[in-house]
Amino acid sequence: MIDAADAIVIPGLVNAHTHLEFSGVDTPLDAAGGLPGWIERVIALRRGQATGIAGAYRVAAAIRRGLDESAGHGVTAVGEISTGVPVGGYPSAGPRLRIFREALGLSAESAASAGAKAIRDVRLLLAAGASAGVSAHAPYSVAAPLAKSLIDAARRRSVPLAMHVAESEAEAELLRSGTGPFRELFERIGVWPPGGPALLPAAEWISRLARGPRAIVVHGTHLGRDHDALARLARHRDRLCVAVCPRTTLALSNTLPPVGLFREAGVRVAIGTDSRASNPDLSVLAECRTLVAAGVVSPEEALRMVTVDAAWALGFERSCGMIAPGRPADLAVLVPTNAHTDPYDAILDPATRITAALRAGRLIAGSLEGMACESRPAVRPRAHHAGRGV
């Protein structure tokens, strides 16, 4: 066994939602104009970068960079939103991956093509032994026929679903009246179909997501304004959860996600980092600190959201998210710089260093150098509930 000395050993952290393809972006894109403005810059970024084989290798390199960065932040499992299988496939080393193959399309033709490609990639991922999932991008970008095909595919293959829901006021305006910044954006880039697409409201999407074996509602920033959608989310909390990305939401919507509202409704809440296109880094502990500093949750609650609850969100609750006999040793080792009486405060202290991350007992980042191999229990936070602690 490892003598962790004065280190803190916690379950490997779980990033419930991120887009690794943007991990090559050094600084977040400008958030002016909120979500529609940011998405337009994402589209420009993609169009301005190399395409073809050069572009494919660029994406593969960004994904590897994102996984390395994640492991360096103590993350041992990641919920990845994928727009295609990268060249050479996803790395087998590094954090565990739940790969949600994403699709979007507003016209009948684009929706059919996108759906077919996504379902094909899910088959390829599953055949390669990967943990796959399906992602319908968002209510403002996915036409109803595409929604049906994606959810049906997830049900047939018993894989989880994910969808960005209620991210912005512009989304609500488009779904309500077919007008606003998203309509203007889609017309500018030539994807708004004649007669308009068949779009579904957030509440209907939540009910449809609940038809799958498990699903993540991502962001949910404005669900508090949609009582029907929130009620349906609460009704299906046995198979639905919310993944919030506090720093991204703060940047794009000038508010924090309504975590308290979700918790009052009995809904599990996990934490993600979204991407380097909207966030300065891929640290889920930095996301935790944002919520704790705002008084939204306690340090203990925040740590649960990046361990137990995030593991459940990805369908990994039997393999990570807690330290328990018989579980794989997915661990993060932290060394405090400052003195703390509460281990949760020590974990969330920005000065605390993450010195190692292990997946199933194998080192994936950092080093255990200097730790003796002898039997001495490591320091660990107190449990939340018997058998379900962090």
Protein backbone atom coordinates (compact mmCIF):
# COMPACT_ATOMS: atom_id res chain seq x y z
CA MET A 1 0.00 0.00 0.00
CA ILE A 2 0.98 3.63 -0.39
CA ASP A 3 1.82 5.78 2.63
CA ALA A 4 0.30 9.12 1.60
CA ALA A 5 1.93 10.92 4.54
CA ASP A 6 0.29 14.35 4.80
CA ALA A 7 -1.52 14.08 1.48
CA ILE A 8 -5.28 13.82 1.03
CA VAL A 9 -6.53 10.89 -1.02
CA ILE A 10 -9.97 11.33 -2.58
CA PRO A 11 -11.92 9.52 -5.29
CA GLY A 12 -10.78 10.44 -8.77
CA LEU A 13 -12.76 13.49 -9.83
CA VAL A 14 -15.41 13.14 -12.54
CA ASN A 15 -16.03 15.78 -15.21
CA ALA A 16 -19.62 15.16 -16.24
CA HIS A 17 -19.65 17.39 -19.31
CA THR A 18 -16.96 18.72 -21.62
CA HIS A 19 -16.10 19.15 -25.30
CA LEU A 20 -12.52 17.96 -25.64
CA GLU A 21 -12.21 19.00 -29.29
CA PHE A 22 -11.71 22.61 -28.12
CA SER A 23 -8.85 21.77 -25.77
CA GLY A 24 -6.40 23.39 -28.16
CA VAL A 25 -7.97 26.82 -27.54
CA ASP A 26 -5.63 28.74 -25.22
CA THR A 27 -8.13 31.37 -24.03
CA PRO A 28 -11.95 31.33 -24.02
CA LEU A 29 -13.74 32.87 -26.97
CA ASP A 30 -15.35 36.27 -26.51
CA ALA A 31 -18.68 35.93 -24.69
CA ALA A 32 -20.17 39.14 -26.10
CA GLY A 33 -23.71 38.57 -27.34
CA GLY A 34 -24.28 35.70 -24.95
CA LEU A 35 -24.74 32.18 -26.20
CA PRO A 36 -25.76 33.03 -29.81
CA GLY A 37 -22.75 35.34 -30.22
CA TRP A 38 -20.41 32.78 -28.70
CA ILE A 39 -21.77 30.01 -30.95
CA GLU A 40 -21.20 32.17 -34.02
CA ARG A 41 -17.56 32.52 -32.97
CA VAL A 42 -17.32 28.75 -32.45
CA ILE A 43 -18.62 28.24 -36.00
CA ALA A 44 -16.07 30.73 -37.32
CA LEU A 45 -13.32 28.98 -35.37
CA ARG A 46 -14.19 25.64 -36.91
CA ARG A 47 -14.43 27.07 -40.41
CA GLY A 48 -11.15 28.93 -40.04
CA GLN A 49 -9.13 25.96 -38.92
CA ALA A 50 -7.67 23.30 -41.15
CA THR A 51 -10.11 20.82 -42.66
CA GLY A 52 -9.55 17.39 -44.18
CA ILE A 53 -6.82 15.19 -42.79
CA ALA A 54 -4.95 18.13 -41.22
CA GLY A 55 -8.10 19.16 -39.37
CA ALA A 56 -8.75 15.59 -38.25
CA TYR A 57 -5.27 15.32 -36.73
CA ARG A 58 -5.71 18.73 -35.09
CA VAL A 59 -8.90 17.53 -33.36
CA ALA A 60 -7.25 14.28 -32.27
CA ALA A 61 -4.34 16.23 -30.78
CA ALA A 62 -6.73 18.59 -28.97
CA ILE A 63 -8.57 15.63 -27.46
CA ARG A 64 -5.32 14.12 -26.19
CA ARG A 65 -4.31 17.49 -24.77
CA GLY A 66 -7.66 17.80 -23.00
CA LEU A 67 -7.40 14.36 -21.48
CA ASP A 68 -3.87 15.05 -20.26
CA GLU A 69 -4.98 18.36 -18.75
CA SER A 70 -7.98 16.70 -17.11
CA ALA A 71 -5.83 14.00 -15.52
CA GLY A 72 -3.49 16.70 -14.25
CA HIS A 73 -6.48 18.25 -12.47
CA GLY A 74 -7.21 14.93 -10.71
CA VAL A 75 -9.96 13.89 -13.13
CA THR A 76 -10.19 10.15 -13.76
CA ALA A 77 -13.49 10.04 -15.70
CA VAL A 78 -14.87 12.37 -18.37
CA GLY A 79 -18.22 12.85 -20.08
CA GLU A 80 -17.10 13.81 -23.59
CA ILE A 81 -19.35 15.38 -26.21
CA SER A 82 -18.05 14.13 -29.55
CA THR A 83 -18.75 15.36 -33.07
CA GLY A 84 -17.00 12.36 -34.58
CA VAL A 85 -14.55 9.60 -33.76
CA PRO A 86 -11.04 11.12 -33.89
CA VAL A 87 -8.23 9.79 -36.07
CA GLY A 88 -6.86 6.70 -34.36
CA GLY A 89 -9.87 6.55 -32.03
CA TYR A 90 -10.03 7.77 -28.46
CA PRO A 91 -6.94 7.04 -26.31
CA SER A 92 -7.26 3.97 -24.10
CA ALA A 93 -4.90 5.46 -21.52
CA GLY A 94 -5.88 8.38 -19.32
CA PRO A 95 -9.29 9.08 -17.76
CA ARG A 96 -12.29 6.84 -18.32
CA LEU A 97 -14.52 8.16 -21.09
CA ARG A 98 -18.24 8.20 -21.68
CA ILE A 99 -18.40 9.41 -25.28
CA PHE A 100 -21.69 11.07 -26.17
CA ARG A 101 -21.84 11.24 -29.97
CA GLU A 102 -23.57 14.52 -30.74
CA ALA A 103 -25.83 15.38 -33.67
CA LEU A 104 -27.73 18.47 -34.75
CA GLY A 105 -29.74 19.52 -37.78
CA LEU A 106 -32.71 21.76 -38.55
CA SER A 107 -33.73 20.76 -42.07
CA ALA A 108 -35.07 17.30 -42.89
CA GLU A 109 -32.02 16.56 -45.05
CA SER A 110 -29.36 17.74 -42.59
CA ALA A 111 -31.11 16.04 -39.68
CA ALA A 112 -31.29 12.70 -41.50
CA SER A 113 -27.62 12.84 -42.49
CA ALA A 114 -26.45 13.91 -39.03
CA GLY A 115 -28.52 11.24 -37.32
CA ALA A 116 -27.21 8.47 -39.57
CA LYS A 117 -23.58 9.50 -38.99
CA ALA A 118 -24.05 9.73 -35.23
CA ILE A 119 -25.72 6.32 -34.97
CA ARG A 120 -22.99 4.78 -37.13
CA ASP A 121 -20.30 6.22 -34.85
CA VAL A 122 -22.07 4.91 -31.74
CA ARG A 123 -22.00 1.43 -33.28
CA LEU A 124 -18.28 1.81 -34.01
CA LEU A 125 -17.53 3.01 -30.49
CA LEU A 126 -19.46 0.17 -28.89
CA ALA A 127 -17.81 -2.38 -31.18
CA ALA A 128 -14.42 -1.04 -30.07
CA GLY A 129 -15.37 -1.56 -26.43
CA ALA A 130 -15.86 2.13 -25.63
CA SER A 131 -18.52 3.46 -23.28
CA ALA A 132 -20.75 5.36 -25.70
CA GLY A 133 -23.76 7.63 -25.43
CA VAL A 134 -25.92 9.81 -27.64
CA SER A 135 -26.28 13.60 -27.54
CA ALA A 136 -28.98 15.62 -29.25
CA HIS A 137 -27.28 19.02 -29.21
CA ALA A 138 -29.99 21.44 -28.02
CA PRO A 139 -33.70 22.28 -28.47
CA TYR A 140 -32.78 25.21 -30.75
CA SER A 141 -30.61 23.09 -33.08
CA VAL A 142 -32.32 19.68 -33.30
CA ALA A 143 -35.46 19.10 -35.35
CA ALA A 144 -38.08 16.72 -33.97
CA PRO A 145 -37.44 13.87 -36.48
CA LEU A 146 -33.75 13.83 -35.57
CA ALA A 147 -34.70 13.80 -31.90
CA LYS A 148 -36.76 10.68 -32.37
CA SER A 149 -34.05 8.79 -34.23
CA LEU A 150 -31.39 9.65 -31.64
CA ILE A 151 -33.51 8.68 -28.65
CA ASP A 152 -34.64 5.47 -30.34
CA ALA A 153 -30.99 4.58 -31.01
CA ALA A 154 -30.06 5.20 -27.37
CA ARG A 155 -32.92 3.01 -26.18
CA ARG A 156 -32.06 0.15 -28.56
CA ARG A 157 -28.45 0.12 -27.44
CA SER A 158 -29.17 0.96 -23.80
CA VAL A 159 -26.75 3.89 -23.72
CA PRO A 160 -27.25 7.22 -21.92
CA LEU A 161 -28.35 10.48 -23.49
CA ALA A 162 -27.25 14.08 -23.04
CA MET A 163 -28.65 17.40 -24.20
CA HIS A 164 -28.00 21.10 -23.61
CA VAL A 165 -31.33 22.48 -22.36
CA ALA A 166 -32.53 25.97 -21.34
CA GLU A 167 -29.13 27.58 -21.80
CA SER A 168 -30.23 31.09 -22.70
CA GLU A 169 -33.13 33.48 -23.05
CA ALA A 170 -32.51 33.47 -26.81
CA GLU A 171 -33.27 29.74 -26.85
CA ALA A 172 -36.60 30.30 -25.10
CA GLU A 173 -37.51 33.08 -27.56
CA LEU A 174 -36.77 30.90 -30.58
CA LEU A 175 -38.85 28.01 -29.24
CA ARG A 176 -41.67 30.33 -28.23
CA SER A 177 -41.97 32.54 -31.31
CA GLY A 178 -39.37 31.48 -33.89
CA THR A 179 -37.64 34.85 -33.59
CA GLY A 180 -34.61 36.39 -31.96
CA PRO A 181 -30.81 36.09 -32.09
CA PHE A 182 -30.77 32.37 -32.90
CA ARG A 183 -33.14 32.80 -35.84
CA GLU A 184 -30.98 35.65 -37.12
CA LEU A 185 -27.81 33.57 -36.71
CA PHE A 186 -29.24 30.54 -38.48
CA GLU A 187 -30.44 32.67 -41.38
CA ARG A 188 -27.00 34.32 -41.69
CA ILE A 189 -25.20 31.00 -41.92
CA GLY A 190 -27.84 29.48 -44.20
CA VAL A 191 -29.21 26.64 -42.06
CA TRP A 192 -32.71 27.95 -41.33
CA PRO A 193 -35.02 25.79 -43.51
CA PRO A 194 -37.90 27.24 -45.55
CA GLY A 195 -41.00 27.32 -43.39
CA GLY A 196 -38.90 26.85 -40.26
CA PRO A 197 -37.86 23.65 -38.45
CA ALA A 198 -40.01 21.44 -36.24
CA LEU A 199 -38.64 22.36 -32.83
CA LEU A 200 -39.72 21.03 -29.44
CA PRO A 201 -39.98 22.97 -26.15
CA ALA A 202 -37.74 22.15 -23.20
CA ALA A 203 -40.48 20.34 -21.28
CA GLU A 204 -41.15 17.99 -24.18
CA TRP A 205 -37.46 17.31 -24.55
CA ILE A 206 -37.13 16.39 -20.89
CA SER A 207 -39.97 13.88 -21.22
CA ARG A 208 -38.35 12.38 -24.31
CA LEU A 209 -34.93 12.17 -22.69
CA ALA A 210 -36.56 10.27 -19.82
CA ARG A 211 -37.49 7.51 -22.28
CA GLY A 212 -33.85 6.48 -22.41
CA PRO A 213 -32.09 4.44 -19.73
CA ARG A 214 -30.41 7.56 -18.30
CA ALA A 215 -29.90 11.14 -19.45
CA ILE A 216 -28.04 14.32 -18.56
CA VAL A 217 -29.73 17.69 -18.89
CA VAL A 218 -26.79 20.02 -19.45
CA HIS A 219 -26.73 23.57 -18.03
CA GLY A 220 -30.48 24.09 -17.38
CA THR A 221 -29.73 27.75 -16.65
CA HIS A 222 -33.28 29.01 -17.21
CA LEU A 223 -35.32 25.97 -16.17
CA GLY A 224 -36.55 27.91 -13.15
CA ARG A 225 -38.67 29.98 -15.54
CA ASP A 226 -40.26 26.89 -17.07
CA HIS A 227 -42.35 25.27 -14.35
CA ASP A 228 -43.57 22.47 -16.61
CA ALA A 229 -40.03 21.52 -17.62
CA LEU A 230 -38.78 21.62 -14.04
CA ALA A 231 -41.72 19.51 -12.85
CA ARG A 232 -40.98 16.88 -15.51
CA LEU A 233 -37.31 16.88 -14.56
CA ALA A 234 -38.24 16.25 -10.93
CA ARG A 235 -40.74 13.56 -11.93
CA HIS A 236 -38.04 11.63 -13.80
CA ARG A 237 -35.20 12.16 -11.33
CA ASP A 238 -34.66 8.42 -11.13
CA ARG A 239 -33.12 8.53 -14.61
CA LEU A 240 -32.36 12.22 -15.24
CA CYS A 241 -29.78 14.51 -13.70
CA VAL A 242 -28.39 17.96 -14.43
CA ALA A 243 -24.77 18.76 -15.30
CA VAL A 244 -23.89 22.38 -14.57
CA CYS A 245 -20.81 24.26 -15.76
CA PRO A 246 -20.71 27.27 -13.41
CA ARG A 247 -17.92 29.33 -14.96
CA THR A 248 -19.24 28.88 -18.50
CA THR A 249 -22.76 29.79 -17.44
CA LEU A 250 -21.46 32.84 -15.61
CA ALA A 251 -19.52 33.96 -18.69
CA LEU A 252 -22.29 33.40 -21.24
CA SER A 253 -25.39 34.23 -19.17
CA ASN A 254 -24.01 36.46 -16.41
CA THR A 255 -25.55 34.19 -13.78
CA LEU A 256 -24.82 30.96 -11.98
CA PRO A 257 -26.86 27.82 -12.63
CA PRO A 258 -29.87 27.36 -10.30
CA VAL A 259 -28.30 24.51 -8.36
CA GLY A 260 -30.47 25.15 -5.30
CA LEU A 261 -33.61 24.80 -7.39
CA PHE A 262 -32.51 21.43 -8.74
CA ARG A 263 -31.53 20.16 -5.33
CA GLU A 264 -34.87 21.26 -3.84
CA ALA A 265 -36.57 19.23 -6.57
CA GLY A 266 -34.56 16.17 -5.54
CA VAL A 267 -32.58 16.10 -8.80
CA ARG A 268 -28.95 14.97 -8.82
CA VAL A 269 -26.53 17.70 -9.86
CA ALA A 270 -23.14 16.98 -11.40
CA ILE A 271 -20.44 19.40 -12.51
CA GLY A 272 -18.65 19.79 -15.83
CA THR A 273 -16.23 22.26 -17.42
CA ASP A 274 -17.92 22.65 -20.84
CA SER A 275 -14.75 23.39 -22.87
CA ARG A 276 -11.63 25.50 -23.25
CA ALA A 277 -13.64 27.59 -25.73
CA SER A 278 -15.76 28.88 -22.83
CA ASN A 279 -13.54 28.21 -19.82
CA PRO A 280 -9.93 29.04 -18.94
CA ASP A 281 -9.13 25.44 -17.94
CA LEU A 282 -10.62 21.98 -17.35
CA SER A 283 -10.49 21.99 -13.55
CA VAL A 284 -13.68 20.72 -11.93
CA LEU A 285 -12.33 21.85 -8.55
CA ALA A 286 -12.29 25.42 -9.90
CA GLU A 287 -15.96 24.94 -10.82
CA CYS A 288 -16.59 23.76 -7.25
CA ARG A 289 -14.84 26.80 -5.83
CA THR A 290 -17.06 29.08 -7.92
CA LEU A 291 -20.24 27.60 -6.43
CA VAL A 292 -18.86 27.51 -2.89
CA ALA A 293 -17.60 31.10 -3.02
CA ALA A 294 -21.06 32.24 -4.13
CA GLY A 295 -22.69 30.41 -1.21
CA VAL A 296 -24.61 28.11 -3.55
CA VAL A 297 -23.35 24.87 -1.98
CA SER A 298 -21.07 23.78 0.85
CA PRO A 299 -17.60 22.38 0.10
CA GLU A 300 -18.88 18.91 1.02
CA GLU A 301 -21.83 19.23 -1.37
CA ALA A 302 -19.58 20.48 -4.17
CA LEU A 303 -17.22 17.51 -3.80
CA ARG A 304 -20.14 15.13 -3.99
CA MET A 305 -21.18 16.75 -7.28
CA VAL A 306 -17.79 15.93 -8.85
CA THR A 307 -17.58 12.41 -7.47
CA VAL A 308 -20.66 10.35 -6.59
CA ASP A 309 -23.24 12.34 -8.56
CA ALA A 310 -21.07 12.90 -11.62
CA ALA A 311 -20.19 9.20 -11.75
CA TRP A 312 -23.92 8.38 -11.68
CA ALA A 313 -24.56 10.87 -14.48
CA LEU A 314 -22.13 9.00 -16.73
CA GLY A 315 -23.34 5.55 -15.76
CA PHE A 316 -20.03 4.89 -13.99
CA GLU A 317 -21.37 4.59 -10.46
CA ARG A 318 -20.02 1.02 -10.16
CA SER A 319 -16.51 1.93 -11.26
CA CYS A 320 -15.67 5.37 -9.87
CA GLY A 321 -16.89 8.26 -7.76
CA MET A 322 -16.15 6.79 -4.33
CA ILE A 323 -13.54 4.88 -2.37
CA ALA A 324 -14.96 1.53 -1.31
CA PRO A 325 -13.83 -2.11 -1.02
CA GLY A 326 -13.94 -3.91 -4.34
CA ARG A 327 -14.06 -0.69 -6.40
CA PRO A 328 -11.37 0.19 -8.95
CA ALA A 329 -8.77 2.48 -7.38
CA ASP A 330 -9.67 5.70 -9.22
CA LEU A 331 -7.94 8.20 -6.96
CA ALA A 332 -6.59 11.72 -6.78
CA VAL A 333 -3.76 12.59 -4.41
CA LEU A 334 -3.61 16.16 -3.12
CA VAL A 335 -0.99 17.88 -0.99
CA PRO A 336 -2.18 20.93 0.98
CA THR A 337 0.08 23.95 1.21
CA ASN A 338 -1.91 25.71 3.93
CA ALA A 339 -3.11 24.36 7.27
CA HIS A 340 -6.80 23.40 7.46
CA THR A 341 -8.91 21.74 10.12
CA ASP A 342 -11.56 20.69 7.57
CA PRO A 343 -10.31 18.41 4.75
CA TYR A 344 -12.98 19.76 2.37
CA ASP A 345 -11.58 23.25 2.78
CA ALA A 346 -8.11 21.86 2.13
CA ILE A 347 -9.27 20.11 -1.06
CA LEU A 348 -10.82 23.30 -2.45
CA ASP A 349 -7.97 25.58 -1.46
CA PRO A 350 -6.44 26.85 -4.75
CA ALA A 351 -2.99 26.47 -3.17
CA THR A 352 -3.48 22.71 -2.69
CA ARG A 353 -1.47 20.77 -5.27
CA ILE A 354 -2.79 17.72 -7.14
CA THR A 355 0.26 15.48 -7.22
CA ALA A 356 -1.16 12.32 -8.79
CA ALA A 357 -4.20 10.78 -10.45
CA LEU A 358 -4.75 7.04 -10.70
CA ARG A 359 -7.25 5.11 -12.77
CA ALA A 360 -7.82 1.54 -11.56
CA GLY A 361 -4.61 1.82 -9.57
CA ARG A 362 -2.50 2.92 -12.55
CA LEU A 363 -0.88 6.32 -12.56
CA ILE A 364 -2.29 8.56 -15.34
CA ALA A 365 -0.85 11.90 -14.19
CA GLY A 366 1.70 13.22 -11.73
CA SER A 367 3.92 11.11 -9.52
CA LEU A 368 3.84 9.08 -6.31
CA GLU A 369 7.56 9.61 -5.80
CA GLY A 370 8.44 10.11 -2.17
CA MET A 371 5.47 8.12 -0.86
CA ALA A 372 6.50 4.99 0.98
CA CYS A 373 5.08 1.60 0.13
CA GLU A 374 3.76 0.49 3.50
CA SER A 375 0.41 0.04 5.14
CA ARG A 376 -0.72 3.33 6.60
CA PRO A 377 -4.21 4.77 6.06
CA ALA A 378 -4.34 7.97 4.03
CA VAL A 379 -6.12 11.11 5.16
CA ARG A 380 -9.57 11.28 3.57
CA PRO A 381 -12.67 13.42 4.00
CA ARG A 382 -15.48 12.21 6.19
CA ALA A 383 -18.27 10.34 4.41
CA HIS A 384 -21.59 11.92 3.50
CA HIS A 385 -23.57 8.76 4.20
CA ALA A 386 -22.50 5.27 5.09
CA GLY A 387 -21.10 3.61 1.98
CA ARG A 388 -21.72 6.67 -0.19
CA GLY A 389 -19.08 9.12 0.93
CA VAL A 390 -16.67 11.05 -1.21
